[in-house]
């Protein structure tokens, strides 16, 4: 008689939000709130109009014709990114968590939320209002609801990772590179055709603003 072997169940979405939120310093409820608003927690969601935004966190992957992504993101694991892999919640949330973490460290809240959804908001005032204000409000509402559930009905907001001044204002170029390639880093992206025409620091098609160095580039 053969002994029964137990097969480990795959981690739940909440387990993954908790895991990658903890790794990259983002409250898991806020990470999940982004996913709820972006994809309604559908790991198979695709926004073809964005050419393409994929999965739970709607991560941008410009098809390279060979199943990969031609756009570059300065986040851990992106060198392994493929369109297929972005449908895997384990990988998708890992990438999305880094993007959101970088946005928070760079812009503070609530602007980080606006920039996650719409790159052009990087030039908006720190506290808004934003052109995608309804999106920001929806994320914050989901975050408050999830936090309340996690606190057994306590509706008092937990402190969020927010800075009076973006981290990038206090760092020199070498330190920013370390932050971008090192801990809790991420990048937001621009899906507009005009973005691919920009040039900076000799990197064709890279997307930056005057304060924040090399976030994303088109391949």
Foldseek 3Di string as FASTA:
>chain_A
DDDDDDDDDDDDLLVLLVVLCVQQVFDSQLLQLQLCLPPVQQLQDWPVVLCTQGGSNRHDANDPPPQARQKDALAPPNVVGGRVCSSDSNVVSNQSQLALLQLCLAQFPPLSSVCQVAVVSVPAPSHDDDPVNVSSVSSVVSSQVVVCVVVVNPSDDDDGSGDPHRNLVVDDPVVLVCQSNHGSHIAHDHSDPVQQCDDDPHAHSFDDDPRHPGGMGGD
